[in-house]
Amino acid sequence: MNNIWKTITVTVVCVAVLTIIGIKLFDGDNDFPKPNKGELTIVEIGADLCIPCKLLSPIMEEIKNELAGKASLYKITLGNSGGSVKAFYDVSVIPVIIIYDDKRQEITRRVFHEDDVDDAKEWVRFIVKGEGIEW
């Protein structure tokens, strides 16, 4: 009877280890920035071949420099394997800016198009100011 329990235990442990290894091997895209607890977090998600994404990128870089020390800003560039990023952030259209409060709760998000990318800075400024952060 002891041998049966040992065999069952070893089998369960082996299955668990193989499952963890499989997740690490086949879901390698899970190492991406996530909202920070204790500070406002702004996440920009786009792609290299997306024209509005290319237009938004320098604007977000300006915002990042201007909000240094007041908020965390992350840029995520999707490749062919962006599935877990898309699922985590619930994104189906890019470019998108998602803003989280200091409790990691999503405040708002906005998808930008080629003709409204220039509004991004004022939009972020308005949201950030509403969270009590001076620009």
N, C-alpha and C. Protein backbone atom coordinates (compact mmCIF):
# COMPACT_ATOMS: atom_id res chain seq x y z
N MET A 1 0.82 -1.19 0.00
CA MET A 1 0.00 0.00 0.00
C MET A 1 0.87 1.25 0.00
N ASN A 2 1.98 1.25 0.74
CA ASN A 2 2.89 2.39 0.77
C ASN A 2 3.45 2.71 -0.60
N ASN A 3 3.76 1.67 -1.38
CA ASN A 3 4.31 1.88 -2.72
C ASN A 3 3.30 2.57 -3.64
N ILE A 4 2.05 2.29 -3.49
CA ILE A 4 1.01 2.92 -4.31
C ILE A 4 0.97 4.43 -4.01
N TRP A 5 1.01 4.79 -2.72
CA TRP A 5 0.98 6.21 -2.35
C TRP A 5 2.23 6.94 -2.81
N LYS A 6 3.37 6.26 -2.74
CA LYS A 6 4.61 6.86 -3.22
C LYS A 6 4.52 7.11 -4.73
N THR A 7 3.99 6.13 -5.46
CA THR A 7 3.84 6.26 -6.91
C THR A 7 2.89 7.40 -7.26
N ILE A 8 1.79 7.49 -6.55
CA ILE A 8 0.82 8.56 -6.79
C ILE A 8 1.45 9.92 -6.49
N THR A 9 2.15 10.02 -5.38
CA THR A 9 2.79 11.28 -4.99
C THR A 9 3.82 11.71 -6.03
N VAL A 10 4.67 10.79 -6.45
CA VAL A 10 5.70 11.10 -7.46
C VAL A 10 5.04 11.52 -8.76
N THR A 11 3.97 10.85 -9.16
CA THR A 11 3.27 11.19 -10.39
C THR A 11 2.68 12.60 -10.32
N VAL A 12 2.04 12.93 -9.21
CA VAL A 12 1.44 14.25 -9.05
C VAL A 12 2.52 15.34 -9.08
N VAL A 13 3.62 15.13 -8.40
CA VAL A 13 4.71 16.09 -8.39
C VAL A 13 5.28 16.26 -9.80
N CYS A 14 5.49 15.18 -10.52
CA CYS A 14 6.02 15.25 -11.88
C CYS A 14 5.08 16.02 -12.80
N VAL A 15 3.79 15.77 -12.71
CA VAL A 15 2.82 16.48 -13.54
C VAL A 15 2.84 17.98 -13.21
N ALA A 16 2.92 18.32 -11.94
CA ALA A 16 2.96 19.72 -11.54
C ALA A 16 4.21 20.41 -12.09
N VAL A 17 5.36 19.76 -11.96
CA VAL A 17 6.61 20.34 -12.45
C VAL A 17 6.56 20.51 -13.97
N LEU A 18 6.08 19.52 -14.69
CA LEU A 18 5.99 19.61 -16.14
C LEU A 18 5.01 20.70 -16.57
N THR A 19 3.95 20.88 -15.83
CA THR A 19 3.00 21.95 -16.13
C THR A 19 3.65 23.31 -15.97
N ILE A 20 4.38 23.50 -14.90
CA ILE A 20 5.08 24.77 -14.67
C ILE A 20 6.11 25.03 -15.77
N ILE A 21 6.87 24.03 -16.13
CA ILE A 21 7.86 24.17 -17.20
C ILE A 21 7.17 24.50 -18.52
N GLY A 22 6.06 23.85 -18.80
CA GLY A 22 5.31 24.13 -20.03
C GLY A 22 4.81 25.55 -20.09
N ILE A 23 4.31 26.04 -18.98
CA ILE A 23 3.82 27.43 -18.93
C ILE A 23 4.97 28.39 -19.18
N LYS A 24 6.12 28.14 -18.58
CA LYS A 24 7.28 29.02 -18.76
C LYS A 24 7.78 28.98 -20.21
N LEU A 25 7.78 27.81 -20.82
CA LEU A 25 8.28 27.67 -22.19
C LEU A 25 7.34 28.27 -23.21
N PHE A 26 6.05 28.02 -23.06
CA PHE A 26 5.11 28.40 -24.10
C PHE A 26 4.37 29.70 -23.83
N ASP A 27 4.53 30.26 -22.67
CA ASP A 27 3.93 31.55 -22.37
C ASP A 27 5.03 32.49 -21.88
N GLY A 28 6.08 32.62 -22.67
CA GLY A 28 7.23 33.43 -22.31
C GLY A 28 6.94 34.92 -22.39
N ASP A 29 5.76 35.29 -22.86
CA ASP A 29 5.41 36.69 -23.05
C ASP A 29 4.77 37.28 -21.80
N ASN A 30 4.91 36.60 -20.66
CA ASN A 30 4.23 37.09 -19.46
C ASN A 30 5.12 38.00 -18.62
N ASP A 31 6.27 38.36 -19.11
CA ASP A 31 7.16 39.25 -18.38
C ASP A 31 7.05 40.65 -18.97
N PHE A 32 5.94 41.31 -18.69
CA PHE A 32 5.69 42.65 -19.20
C PHE A 32 5.29 43.54 -18.03
N PRO A 33 5.44 44.85 -18.20
CA PRO A 33 5.13 45.75 -17.08
C PRO A 33 3.66 45.70 -16.69
N LYS A 34 3.45 45.75 -15.41
CA LYS A 34 2.09 45.76 -14.86
C LYS A 34 1.95 47.00 -13.98
N PRO A 35 0.72 47.44 -13.72
CA PRO A 35 0.53 48.65 -12.91
C PRO A 35 1.23 48.54 -11.55
N ASN A 36 1.82 49.63 -11.13
CA ASN A 36 2.53 49.69 -9.85
C ASN A 36 1.58 50.10 -8.73
N LYS A 37 1.66 49.39 -7.63
CA LYS A 37 0.87 49.78 -6.46
C LYS A 37 1.55 50.98 -5.80
N GLY A 38 0.76 51.96 -5.42
CA GLY A 38 1.29 53.11 -4.72
C GLY A 38 1.62 54.29 -5.61
N GLU A 39 1.44 54.17 -6.91
CA GLU A 39 1.69 55.31 -7.79
C GLU A 39 0.85 55.21 -9.05
N LEU A 40 0.58 56.34 -9.65
CA LEU A 40 -0.15 56.39 -10.90
C LEU A 40 0.69 55.71 -11.97
N THR A 41 0.06 54.86 -12.78
CA THR A 41 0.77 54.14 -13.84
C THR A 41 0.07 54.38 -15.16
N ILE A 42 0.85 54.75 -16.16
CA ILE A 42 0.33 54.97 -17.51
C ILE A 42 0.99 53.96 -18.43
N VAL A 43 0.17 53.20 -19.15
CA VAL A 43 0.66 52.17 -20.05
C VAL A 43 0.25 52.51 -21.47
N GLU A 44 1.23 52.55 -22.36
CA GLU A 44 0.98 52.77 -23.79
C GLU A 44 1.24 51.45 -24.49
N ILE A 45 0.26 50.98 -25.25
CA ILE A 45 0.41 49.72 -25.97
C ILE A 45 0.25 50.01 -27.46
N GLY A 46 1.23 49.56 -28.23
CA GLY A 46 1.22 49.79 -29.67
C GLY A 46 2.02 48.73 -30.40
N ALA A 47 2.33 49.01 -31.65
CA ALA A 47 3.11 48.09 -32.48
C ALA A 47 3.99 48.89 -33.43
N ASP A 48 5.08 48.29 -33.87
CA ASP A 48 6.05 48.97 -34.73
C ASP A 48 5.47 49.38 -36.09
N LEU A 49 4.59 48.59 -36.64
CA LEU A 49 4.08 48.86 -37.98
C LEU A 49 2.81 49.71 -37.99
N CYS A 50 2.36 50.14 -36.84
CA CYS A 50 1.13 50.91 -36.71
C CYS A 50 1.45 52.40 -36.83
N ILE A 51 0.86 53.08 -37.82
CA ILE A 51 1.15 54.50 -38.04
C ILE A 51 0.72 55.37 -36.86
N PRO A 52 -0.50 55.23 -36.33
CA PRO A 52 -0.85 56.04 -35.15
C PRO A 52 0.08 55.77 -33.96
N CYS A 53 0.55 54.52 -33.84
CA CYS A 53 1.47 54.18 -32.75
C CYS A 53 2.78 54.95 -32.91
N LYS A 54 3.27 55.04 -34.14
CA LYS A 54 4.51 55.78 -34.40
C LYS A 54 4.34 57.27 -34.10
N LEU A 55 3.16 57.80 -34.40
CA LEU A 55 2.88 59.21 -34.12
C LEU A 55 2.75 59.47 -32.62
N LEU A 56 2.20 58.52 -31.90
CA LEU A 56 1.98 58.67 -30.46
C LEU A 56 3.26 58.53 -29.65
N SER A 57 4.19 57.76 -30.14
CA SER A 57 5.40 57.44 -29.39
C SER A 57 6.18 58.66 -28.91
N PRO A 58 6.51 59.64 -29.76
CA PRO A 58 7.27 60.80 -29.24
C PRO A 58 6.47 61.65 -28.25
N ILE A 59 5.16 61.68 -28.41
CA ILE A 59 4.31 62.42 -27.47
C ILE A 59 4.38 61.76 -26.10
N MET A 60 4.31 60.43 -26.08
CA MET A 60 4.38 59.71 -24.81
C MET A 60 5.76 59.86 -24.17
N GLU A 61 6.79 59.96 -24.99
CA GLU A 61 8.14 60.17 -24.45
C GLU A 61 8.22 61.53 -23.76
N GLU A 62 7.60 62.55 -24.34
CA GLU A 62 7.52 63.88 -23.71
C GLU A 62 6.80 63.79 -22.37
N ILE A 63 5.66 63.10 -22.38
CA ILE A 63 4.87 62.94 -21.15
C ILE A 63 5.69 62.23 -20.08
N LYS A 64 6.40 61.20 -20.50
CA LYS A 64 7.23 60.44 -19.56
C LYS A 64 8.27 61.36 -18.91
N ASN A 65 8.92 62.19 -19.71
CA ASN A 65 9.93 63.11 -19.17
C ASN A 65 9.30 64.14 -18.24
N GLU A 66 8.14 64.64 -18.60
CA GLU A 66 7.49 65.69 -17.80
C GLU A 66 6.91 65.15 -16.49
N LEU A 67 6.54 63.88 -16.47
CA LEU A 67 5.96 63.28 -15.26
C LEU A 67 6.97 62.44 -14.46
N ALA A 68 8.24 62.54 -14.82
CA ALA A 68 9.27 61.76 -14.12
C ALA A 68 9.18 62.03 -12.62
N GLY A 69 9.13 60.96 -11.85
CA GLY A 69 9.05 61.06 -10.40
C GLY A 69 7.64 61.24 -9.86
N LYS A 70 6.68 61.43 -10.75
CA LYS A 70 5.29 61.62 -10.33
C LYS A 70 4.40 60.45 -10.74
N ALA A 71 4.81 59.74 -11.79
CA ALA A 71 4.03 58.61 -12.29
C ALA A 71 4.97 57.68 -13.05
N SER A 72 4.58 56.42 -13.16
CA SER A 72 5.34 55.47 -13.96
C SER A 72 4.69 55.35 -15.32
N LEU A 73 5.51 55.40 -16.36
CA LEU A 73 5.01 55.24 -17.73
C LEU A 73 5.72 54.06 -18.38
N TYR A 74 4.94 53.21 -19.02
CA TYR A 74 5.49 52.04 -19.70
C TYR A 74 5.00 52.01 -21.13
N LYS A 75 5.90 51.65 -22.02
CA LYS A 75 5.55 51.46 -23.42
C LYS A 75 5.69 49.98 -23.71
N ILE A 76 4.62 49.40 -24.22
CA ILE A 76 4.65 47.99 -24.60
C ILE A 76 4.45 47.93 -26.10
N THR A 77 5.42 47.35 -26.79
CA THR A 77 5.34 47.18 -28.23
C THR A 77 4.99 45.73 -28.50
N LEU A 78 3.83 45.53 -29.11
CA LEU A 78 3.37 44.18 -29.39
C LEU A 78 4.08 43.62 -30.61
N GLY A 79 4.44 42.38 -30.52
CA GLY A 79 4.98 41.65 -31.65
C GLY A 79 3.97 40.60 -32.07
N ASN A 80 4.45 39.57 -32.68
CA ASN A 80 3.55 38.49 -33.10
C ASN A 80 3.02 37.68 -31.94
N SER A 81 3.71 37.74 -30.80
CA SER A 81 3.31 36.90 -29.67
C SER A 81 2.80 37.73 -28.51
N GLY A 82 2.01 38.75 -28.79
CA GLY A 82 1.53 39.63 -27.73
C GLY A 82 0.26 39.15 -27.07
N GLY A 83 -0.07 37.88 -27.19
CA GLY A 83 -1.33 37.34 -26.68
C GLY A 83 -1.57 37.57 -25.21
N SER A 84 -0.58 37.29 -24.36
CA SER A 84 -0.82 37.44 -22.92
C SER A 84 -0.88 38.91 -22.53
N VAL A 85 -0.15 39.77 -23.24
CA VAL A 85 -0.25 41.21 -22.98
C VAL A 85 -1.64 41.69 -23.34
N LYS A 86 -2.12 41.29 -24.50
CA LYS A 86 -3.46 41.69 -24.94
C LYS A 86 -4.51 41.20 -23.96
N ALA A 87 -4.36 39.98 -23.50
CA ALA A 87 -5.34 39.43 -22.56
C ALA A 87 -5.27 40.13 -21.21
N PHE A 88 -4.06 40.35 -20.69
CA PHE A 88 -3.91 41.00 -19.39
C PHE A 88 -4.52 42.39 -19.39
N TYR A 89 -4.21 43.16 -20.43
CA TYR A 89 -4.71 44.53 -20.52
C TYR A 89 -6.06 44.64 -21.23
N ASP A 90 -6.60 43.52 -21.68
CA ASP A 90 -7.89 43.48 -22.38
C ASP A 90 -7.88 44.46 -23.56
N VAL A 91 -6.89 44.29 -24.44
CA VAL A 91 -6.70 45.19 -25.57
C VAL A 91 -7.03 44.47 -26.87
N SER A 92 -7.84 45.14 -27.69
CA SER A 92 -8.13 44.58 -29.02
C SER A 92 -7.80 45.58 -30.12
N VAL A 93 -7.61 46.86 -29.76
CA VAL A 93 -7.29 47.90 -30.73
C VAL A 93 -6.11 48.70 -30.20
N ILE A 94 -5.17 49.05 -31.08
CA ILE A 94 -4.02 49.86 -30.70
C ILE A 94 -3.93 51.07 -31.61
N PRO A 95 -3.24 52.11 -31.21
CA PRO A 95 -2.59 52.31 -29.92
C PRO A 95 -3.61 52.67 -28.86
N VAL A 96 -3.30 52.25 -27.66
CA VAL A 96 -4.18 52.54 -26.53
C VAL A 96 -3.32 53.00 -25.36
N ILE A 97 -3.84 53.97 -24.64
CA ILE A 97 -3.22 54.41 -23.39
C ILE A 97 -4.18 54.02 -22.27
N ILE A 98 -3.64 53.34 -21.27
CA ILE A 98 -4.43 52.92 -20.12
C ILE A 98 -3.81 53.56 -18.88
N ILE A 99 -4.64 54.17 -18.05
CA ILE A 99 -4.15 54.84 -16.85
C ILE A 99 -4.72 54.15 -15.62
N TYR A 100 -3.83 53.82 -14.68
CA TYR A 100 -4.20 53.14 -13.44
C TYR A 100 -3.92 54.04 -12.26
N ASP A 101 -4.77 53.95 -11.23
CA ASP A 101 -4.53 54.72 -10.01
C ASP A 101 -3.50 54.02 -9.13
N ASP A 102 -3.25 54.59 -7.97
CA ASP A 102 -2.23 54.03 -7.08
C ASP A 102 -2.63 52.71 -6.43
N LYS A 103 -3.87 52.30 -6.64
CA LYS A 103 -4.33 51.00 -6.11
C LYS A 103 -4.40 49.94 -7.21
N ARG A 104 -3.79 50.24 -8.38
CA ARG A 104 -3.76 49.36 -9.54
C ARG A 104 -5.13 49.19 -10.20
N GLN A 105 -6.03 50.11 -9.94
CA GLN A 105 -7.35 50.07 -10.55
C GLN A 105 -7.34 50.93 -11.82
N GLU A 106 -7.89 50.40 -12.89
CA GLU A 106 -7.93 51.17 -14.12
C GLU A 106 -8.85 52.37 -13.95
N ILE A 107 -8.33 53.54 -14.26
CA ILE A 107 -9.12 54.77 -14.21
C ILE A 107 -9.83 54.95 -15.54
N THR A 108 -9.06 54.86 -16.61
CA THR A 108 -9.61 55.07 -17.95
C THR A 108 -8.65 54.54 -18.99
N ARG A 109 -9.14 54.47 -20.21
CA ARG A 109 -8.31 54.10 -21.35
C ARG A 109 -8.83 54.82 -22.57
N ARG A 110 -7.95 54.99 -23.53
CA ARG A 110 -8.37 55.63 -24.77
C ARG A 110 -7.57 55.07 -25.93
N VAL A 111 -8.29 54.74 -26.98
CA VAL A 111 -7.67 54.31 -28.23
C VAL A 111 -7.48 55.56 -29.08
N PHE A 112 -6.32 55.69 -29.69
CA PHE A 112 -6.03 56.85 -30.52
C PHE A 112 -5.99 56.46 -31.99
N HIS A 113 -6.46 57.38 -32.80
CA HIS A 113 -6.42 57.21 -34.24
C HIS A 113 -5.45 58.23 -34.81
N GLU A 114 -5.09 58.06 -36.04
CA GLU A 114 -4.11 58.94 -36.67
C GLU A 114 -4.49 60.42 -36.56
N ASP A 115 -5.78 60.73 -36.64
CA ASP A 115 -6.21 62.13 -36.64
C ASP A 115 -6.41 62.73 -35.25
N ASP A 116 -6.32 61.92 -34.18
CA ASP A 116 -6.48 62.51 -32.84
C ASP A 116 -5.29 62.26 -31.90
N VAL A 117 -4.18 61.78 -32.44
CA VAL A 117 -2.99 61.53 -31.63
C VAL A 117 -2.49 62.81 -30.96
N ASP A 118 -2.65 63.94 -31.64
CA ASP A 118 -2.18 65.20 -31.08
C ASP A 118 -2.91 65.58 -29.79
N ASP A 119 -4.07 65.00 -29.53
CA ASP A 119 -4.82 65.26 -28.31
C ASP A 119 -4.32 64.47 -27.10
N ALA A 120 -3.40 63.54 -27.33
CA ALA A 120 -2.98 62.62 -26.27
C ALA A 120 -2.43 63.33 -25.05
N LYS A 121 -1.57 64.31 -25.26
CA LYS A 121 -0.93 64.98 -24.13
C LYS A 121 -1.96 65.71 -23.27
N GLU A 122 -2.87 66.43 -23.89
CA GLU A 122 -3.88 67.15 -23.13
C GLU A 122 -4.82 66.18 -22.41
N TRP A 123 -5.14 65.06 -23.05
CA TRP A 123 -6.00 64.07 -22.44
C TRP A 123 -5.32 63.48 -21.19
N VAL A 124 -4.06 63.09 -21.32
CA VAL A 124 -3.32 62.54 -20.18
C VAL A 124 -3.21 63.59 -19.09
N ARG A 125 -2.91 64.82 -19.47
CA ARG A 125 -2.79 65.91 -18.48
C ARG A 125 -4.10 66.06 -17.69
N PHE A 126 -5.23 66.02 -18.37
CA PHE A 126 -6.53 66.15 -17.72
C PHE A 126 -6.78 65.01 -16.73
N ILE A 127 -6.49 63.78 -17.14
CA ILE A 127 -6.71 62.62 -16.27
C ILE A 127 -5.78 62.68 -15.06
N VAL A 128 -4.51 62.98 -15.30
CA VAL A 128 -3.53 63.02 -14.23
C VAL A 128 -3.87 64.11 -13.21
N LYS A 129 -4.28 65.26 -13.71
CA LYS A 129 -4.66 66.36 -12.82
C LYS A 129 -5.84 65.95 -11.94
N GLY A 130 -6.79 65.21 -12.52
CA GLY A 130 -7.93 64.71 -11.76
C GLY A 130 -7.53 63.75 -10.65
N GLU A 131 -6.36 63.16 -10.77
CA GLU A 131 -5.84 62.25 -9.74
C GLU A 131 -4.98 62.99 -8.72
N GLY A 132 -4.91 64.32 -8.85
CA GLY A 132 -4.18 65.12 -7.87
C GLY A 132 -2.70 65.25 -8.13
N ILE A 133 -2.26 64.94 -9.33
CA ILE A 133 -0.84 65.05 -9.67
C ILE A 133 -0.65 66.30 -10.53
N GLU A 134 0.20 67.19 -10.03
CA GLU A 134 0.47 68.42 -10.79
C GLU A 134 1.46 68.11 -11.90
N TRP A 135 1.25 68.70 -13.02
CA TRP A 135 2.09 68.46 -14.20
C TRP A 135 3.38 69.18 -14.08
